Structures are given as C-alpha cells and as structure tokens.
N, C-alpha and C. Protein backbone atom coordinates (compact mmCIF):
# COMPACT_ATOMS: atom_id res chain seq x y z
N MET A 1 51.65 52.36 14.01
CA MET A 1 51.48 51.85 15.36
C MET A 1 52.28 50.56 15.52
N VAL A 2 53.05 50.49 16.56
CA VAL A 2 53.79 49.28 16.87
C VAL A 2 53.20 48.69 18.14
N ALA A 3 52.72 47.47 18.04
CA ALA A 3 52.13 46.80 19.20
C ALA A 3 53.15 45.87 19.82
N SER A 4 53.14 45.80 21.13
CA SER A 4 54.03 44.88 21.81
C SER A 4 53.46 43.46 21.72
N LEU A 5 54.29 42.49 21.97
CA LEU A 5 53.84 41.11 21.94
C LEU A 5 52.71 40.89 22.93
N LYS A 6 52.82 41.48 24.11
CA LYS A 6 51.76 41.33 25.12
C LYS A 6 50.43 41.89 24.61
N GLU A 7 50.48 43.03 23.90
CA GLU A 7 49.26 43.63 23.36
C GLU A 7 48.63 42.72 22.29
N VAL A 8 49.48 42.16 21.45
CA VAL A 8 48.98 41.27 20.41
C VAL A 8 48.39 40.01 21.04
N GLU A 9 49.07 39.46 22.04
CA GLU A 9 48.53 38.29 22.73
C GLU A 9 47.17 38.58 23.34
N ALA A 10 47.03 39.75 23.94
CA ALA A 10 45.75 40.13 24.55
C ALA A 10 44.66 40.24 23.48
N LEU A 11 45.01 40.81 22.34
CA LEU A 11 44.03 40.91 21.25
C LEU A 11 43.61 39.54 20.75
N VAL A 12 44.58 38.64 20.58
CA VAL A 12 44.27 37.29 20.11
C VAL A 12 43.40 36.58 21.14
N ASP A 13 43.74 36.72 22.41
CA ASP A 13 42.96 36.08 23.47
C ASP A 13 41.52 36.58 23.52
N SER A 14 41.29 37.80 23.07
CA SER A 14 39.94 38.37 23.11
C SER A 14 39.07 37.90 21.95
N LEU A 15 39.68 37.27 20.95
CA LEU A 15 38.92 36.77 19.80
C LEU A 15 38.11 35.54 20.16
N ALA A 16 36.99 35.37 19.47
CA ALA A 16 36.21 34.14 19.60
C ALA A 16 37.02 32.99 19.04
N LYS A 17 36.74 31.78 19.48
CA LYS A 17 37.50 30.61 19.03
C LYS A 17 37.49 30.49 17.51
N ALA A 18 36.36 30.70 16.88
CA ALA A 18 36.30 30.60 15.42
C ALA A 18 37.22 31.63 14.77
N ASP A 19 37.29 32.83 15.34
CA ASP A 19 38.17 33.87 14.79
C ASP A 19 39.64 33.54 15.05
N GLN A 20 39.93 32.88 16.16
CA GLN A 20 41.30 32.45 16.42
C GLN A 20 41.74 31.43 15.38
N VAL A 21 40.85 30.53 15.01
CA VAL A 21 41.16 29.54 13.99
C VAL A 21 41.35 30.23 12.64
N ARG A 22 40.51 31.21 12.33
CA ARG A 22 40.67 31.95 11.08
C ARG A 22 42.00 32.70 11.07
N LEU A 23 42.41 33.21 12.23
CA LEU A 23 43.72 33.87 12.32
C LEU A 23 44.84 32.87 12.03
N LEU A 24 44.72 31.66 12.56
CA LEU A 24 45.71 30.61 12.27
C LEU A 24 45.76 30.34 10.77
N GLN A 25 44.60 30.26 10.14
CA GLN A 25 44.56 30.02 8.70
C GLN A 25 45.25 31.15 7.95
N TYR A 26 45.08 32.36 8.41
CA TYR A 26 45.71 33.52 7.79
C TYR A 26 47.23 33.49 7.98
N LEU A 27 47.65 33.13 9.20
CA LEU A 27 49.08 33.17 9.52
C LEU A 27 49.86 31.97 9.00
N LEU A 28 49.21 30.83 8.85
CA LEU A 28 49.91 29.61 8.49
C LEU A 28 50.78 29.74 7.24
N PRO A 29 50.28 30.29 6.13
CA PRO A 29 51.16 30.42 4.96
C PRO A 29 52.35 31.34 5.21
N ARG A 30 52.16 32.37 6.00
CA ARG A 30 53.25 33.30 6.29
C ARG A 30 54.30 32.65 7.18
N VAL A 31 53.85 31.90 8.17
CA VAL A 31 54.78 31.20 9.04
C VAL A 31 55.50 30.10 8.26
N ALA A 32 54.78 29.43 7.38
CA ALA A 32 55.39 28.37 6.57
C ALA A 32 56.51 28.93 5.70
N ASP A 33 56.31 30.13 5.16
CA ASP A 33 57.36 30.76 4.37
C ASP A 33 58.61 31.01 5.20
N VAL A 34 58.41 31.48 6.42
CA VAL A 34 59.55 31.78 7.29
C VAL A 34 60.24 30.49 7.71
N VAL A 35 59.45 29.52 8.17
CA VAL A 35 60.02 28.26 8.63
C VAL A 35 60.62 27.50 7.47
N GLY A 36 59.92 27.46 6.35
CA GLY A 36 60.42 26.75 5.18
C GLY A 36 61.71 27.34 4.66
N GLY A 37 61.86 28.64 4.80
CA GLY A 37 63.07 29.29 4.32
C GLY A 37 64.26 29.05 5.21
N SER A 38 64.02 28.71 6.47
CA SER A 38 65.15 28.54 7.39
C SER A 38 65.31 27.11 7.89
N ALA A 39 64.34 26.24 7.56
CA ALA A 39 64.42 24.86 8.04
C ALA A 39 65.41 24.06 7.21
N THR A 40 66.08 23.16 7.87
CA THR A 40 67.00 22.27 7.16
C THR A 40 66.39 20.88 7.12
N ALA A 41 66.81 20.09 6.18
CA ALA A 41 66.30 18.74 6.05
C ALA A 41 66.59 17.96 7.32
N GLY A 42 65.59 17.21 7.77
CA GLY A 42 65.77 16.39 8.96
C GLY A 42 65.74 17.17 10.26
N SER A 43 65.24 18.41 10.23
CA SER A 43 65.25 19.23 11.44
C SER A 43 64.05 18.99 12.34
N GLY A 44 63.13 18.11 11.91
CA GLY A 44 61.94 17.86 12.72
C GLY A 44 60.84 18.85 12.44
N GLY A 45 60.97 19.66 11.43
CA GLY A 45 59.96 20.65 11.09
C GLY A 45 58.61 20.06 10.77
N GLU A 46 58.61 18.88 10.16
CA GLU A 46 57.34 18.23 9.84
C GLU A 46 56.55 17.92 11.10
N ASP A 47 57.22 17.42 12.12
CA ASP A 47 56.56 17.12 13.39
C ASP A 47 56.00 18.38 14.03
N ALA A 48 56.74 19.46 13.93
CA ALA A 48 56.27 20.72 14.51
C ALA A 48 55.01 21.20 13.80
N TRP A 49 54.97 21.07 12.47
CA TRP A 49 53.77 21.49 11.73
C TRP A 49 52.58 20.60 12.05
N LEU A 50 52.81 19.31 12.22
CA LEU A 50 51.71 18.41 12.61
C LEU A 50 51.14 18.82 13.96
N GLU A 51 52.01 19.14 14.89
CA GLU A 51 51.56 19.58 16.22
C GLU A 51 50.83 20.92 16.12
N PHE A 52 51.33 21.82 15.32
CA PHE A 52 50.69 23.12 15.12
C PHE A 52 49.27 22.94 14.59
N ARG A 53 49.13 22.09 13.60
CA ARG A 53 47.80 21.84 13.03
C ARG A 53 46.89 21.15 14.05
N ARG A 54 47.46 20.22 14.83
CA ARG A 54 46.66 19.51 15.84
C ARG A 54 46.08 20.49 16.85
N VAL A 55 46.90 21.44 17.29
CA VAL A 55 46.43 22.44 18.24
C VAL A 55 45.33 23.29 17.62
N GLY A 56 45.51 23.70 16.37
CA GLY A 56 44.47 24.48 15.70
C GLY A 56 43.16 23.73 15.59
N GLU A 57 43.24 22.46 15.23
CA GLU A 57 42.03 21.64 15.13
C GLU A 57 41.38 21.46 16.50
N ARG A 58 42.20 21.29 17.53
CA ARG A 58 41.66 21.13 18.87
C ARG A 58 40.94 22.40 19.31
N LEU A 59 41.53 23.55 19.02
CA LEU A 59 40.89 24.82 19.36
C LEU A 59 39.56 24.97 18.63
N ALA A 60 39.52 24.57 17.37
CA ALA A 60 38.30 24.69 16.59
C ALA A 60 37.21 23.78 17.13
N ALA A 61 37.60 22.66 17.72
CA ALA A 61 36.64 21.66 18.16
C ALA A 61 36.21 21.80 19.61
N THR A 62 36.88 22.62 20.39
CA THR A 62 36.58 22.70 21.81
C THR A 62 35.92 24.01 22.19
N GLU A 63 35.26 23.97 23.30
CA GLU A 63 34.63 25.16 23.86
C GLU A 63 35.11 25.38 25.29
N ASN A 64 36.35 24.98 25.59
CA ASN A 64 36.83 25.01 26.98
C ASN A 64 37.40 26.35 27.41
N GLY A 65 37.37 27.33 26.52
CA GLY A 65 37.85 28.66 26.89
C GLY A 65 39.36 28.83 26.83
N GLU A 66 40.07 27.83 26.34
CA GLU A 66 41.52 27.93 26.23
C GLU A 66 41.86 28.89 25.10
N SER A 67 42.74 29.82 25.39
CA SER A 67 43.13 30.79 24.36
C SER A 67 44.17 30.18 23.43
N ILE A 68 44.23 30.72 22.23
CA ILE A 68 45.22 30.25 21.27
C ILE A 68 46.63 30.51 21.79
N THR A 69 46.81 31.64 22.46
CA THR A 69 48.12 31.97 23.02
C THR A 69 48.53 30.92 24.05
N GLN A 70 47.60 30.55 24.93
CA GLN A 70 47.90 29.54 25.94
C GLN A 70 48.18 28.20 25.29
N SER A 71 47.42 27.84 24.27
CA SER A 71 47.65 26.56 23.59
C SER A 71 49.02 26.48 22.97
N ILE A 72 49.42 27.55 22.31
CA ILE A 72 50.72 27.56 21.66
C ILE A 72 51.84 27.59 22.70
N THR A 73 51.64 28.34 23.78
CA THR A 73 52.63 28.37 24.86
C THR A 73 52.79 26.99 25.46
N ASP A 74 51.68 26.29 25.71
CA ASP A 74 51.73 24.92 26.25
C ASP A 74 52.42 23.98 25.28
N MET A 75 52.16 24.16 23.97
CA MET A 75 52.75 23.30 22.96
C MET A 75 54.27 23.46 22.93
N ARG A 76 54.74 24.68 23.17
CA ARG A 76 56.18 24.96 23.11
C ARG A 76 56.94 24.40 24.30
N ARG A 77 56.27 24.06 25.37
CA ARG A 77 56.94 23.56 26.59
C ARG A 77 57.31 22.12 26.47
C-alpha cells in the first residue's frame, strides 16, 4: 500500500497528542540519519533541530488541539 502525503497527514492529525509525540520520538532518529547524511558544516542544521525539538515539547505540553502537521507547517514558514 502506498499512502499519499495527504493521507499520512490525516492519519497523524487523528492521533492523540501523546501518540503524536511518540511518533516524533520514533521518526527523530530516522530523520537525523537523513539530515546528518546530507547536512554540511555551518548549514544551520543545529538550529533546525532545536526548533524541531521545541515544537515537539510544545505539543507534548499543550492541549490546544494543534496538530503536529500544522505545527511543523507553521515552523517551516
């Protein structure tokens, strides 16, 4: 089965906040491998990871109904 990005986003949005955070924990090492393999020194990657973690922590601490997809989309703007 191949899911489209929209389908995956909808699935992530349907998860409880705690499960969204667990998904981030699951994905973080995989994303780090990809980013670490293609990042160059001085590319600002450290700042991006700090922001990524900040968003994850904010999601874990809030009950405002913001989806992880929306948080990451907002972070990218």
